[in-house]
Amino acid sequence: MEEAPVEKKLVGKISHYFTNIGVGVIELSDELKVGDRISIEGATTNLQQTINSMEIEHENVQSASAGQSIGLKVEQRVREGDLVYKLG
């Protein structure tokens, strides 16, 4: 039996990456919340992870919506312009 393809929805893009702390900044075009599984994809980036925590202006938040920028600890290097998808 074939597995159904995982649904992907574009929710934002990486606007900055802080190498020293391993945090990516995502400009959101849609809602994202703690517990969501995401995929970050670019020319040399292919990373899937679950969001354990995220911050807006150094404050921990449970969810964020379109138009906001969030800081997210990422498991590997991401690059400006990488696209962020919510997996569902």
Protein backbone atom coordinates (compact mmCIF):
# COMPACT_ATOMS: atom_id res chain seq x y z
CA MET A 1 0.00 0.00 0.00
CA GLU A 2 1.36 3.40 -0.95
CA GLU A 3 1.80 6.11 1.65
CA ALA A 4 -0.12 9.29 1.00
CA PRO A 5 2.24 12.19 0.26
CA VAL A 6 2.73 14.53 3.19
CA GLU A 7 0.82 17.76 2.73
CA LYS A 8 3.03 20.86 2.69
CA LYS A 9 1.85 24.41 3.15
CA LEU A 10 4.14 27.41 2.70
CA VAL A 11 4.13 29.40 5.95
CA GLY A 12 7.12 31.71 5.62
CA LYS A 13 10.75 32.19 4.74
CA ILE A 14 14.05 32.55 6.56
CA SER A 15 15.09 36.20 6.83
CA HIS A 16 18.17 35.72 9.03
CA TYR A 17 20.28 33.03 10.65
CA PHE A 18 22.33 33.52 13.80
CA THR A 19 25.26 31.12 13.40
CA ASN A 20 26.54 31.48 16.97
CA ILE A 21 23.25 30.44 18.60
CA GLY A 22 21.73 28.26 15.85
CA VAL A 23 18.57 30.34 15.53
CA GLY A 24 16.69 31.07 12.33
CA VAL A 25 14.35 34.04 11.95
CA ILE A 26 11.19 33.22 10.00
CA GLU A 27 9.00 35.91 8.43
CA LEU A 28 5.57 34.31 8.59
CA SER A 29 2.99 34.38 5.81
CA ASP A 30 0.70 32.06 7.78
CA GLU A 31 0.15 30.80 11.33
CA LEU A 32 2.66 28.57 13.10
CA LYS A 33 2.54 27.13 16.60
CA VAL A 34 4.59 25.07 19.02
CA GLY A 35 4.18 21.38 18.19
CA ASP A 36 3.87 21.97 14.42
CA ARG A 37 6.18 19.92 12.21
CA ILE A 38 7.99 22.04 9.64
CA SER A 39 10.25 21.59 6.65
CA ILE A 40 12.86 24.22 5.74
CA GLU A 41 13.96 23.94 2.12
CA GLY A 42 16.41 25.78 -0.07
CA ALA A 43 19.21 25.28 -2.57
CA THR A 44 21.37 23.51 0.02
CA THR A 45 18.90 23.17 2.90
CA ASN A 46 16.56 20.27 3.57
CA LEU A 47 15.56 20.08 7.22
CA GLN A 48 12.48 18.70 8.94
CA GLN A 49 11.84 19.28 12.62
CA THR A 50 9.12 19.80 15.20
CA ILE A 51 8.84 23.23 16.80
CA ASN A 52 9.58 22.89 20.51
CA SER A 53 9.67 26.60 21.26
CA MET A 54 9.71 29.92 19.47
CA GLU A 55 10.21 33.56 20.38
CA ILE A 56 9.04 36.98 19.31
CA GLU A 57 11.27 39.82 20.57
CA HIS A 58 12.94 37.44 23.08
CA GLU A 59 9.58 36.43 24.59
CA ASN A 60 8.50 32.78 24.41
CA VAL A 61 5.22 32.39 22.50
CA GLN A 62 2.99 29.40 21.78
CA SER A 63 1.83 30.62 18.37
CA ALA A 64 2.42 33.39 15.85
CA SER A 65 0.50 34.58 12.82
CA ALA A 66 1.09 36.02 9.35
CA GLY A 67 3.12 39.22 9.36
CA GLN A 68 5.11 38.34 12.47
CA SER A 69 8.75 37.28 12.63
CA ILE A 70 9.73 34.50 14.98
CA GLY A 71 13.04 33.18 16.24
CA LEU A 72 13.38 29.42 16.11
CA LYS A 73 16.18 27.12 17.29
CA VAL A 74 17.04 24.99 14.27
CA GLU A 75 18.82 21.65 14.27
CA GLN A 76 21.14 22.58 11.42
CA ARG A 77 22.24 25.62 9.45
CA VAL A 78 19.59 27.40 7.40
CA ARG A 79 20.04 30.25 4.95
CA GLU A 80 18.31 33.53 4.14
CA GLY A 81 15.64 32.95 1.53
CA ASP A 82 15.01 29.30 2.50
CA LEU A 83 11.29 28.50 2.43
CA VAL A 84 9.46 27.20 5.48
CA TYR A 85 6.59 24.74 5.07
CA LYS A 86 4.20 23.35 7.64
CA LEU A 87 3.80 19.58 7.29
CA GLY A 88 0.39 18.13 7.93
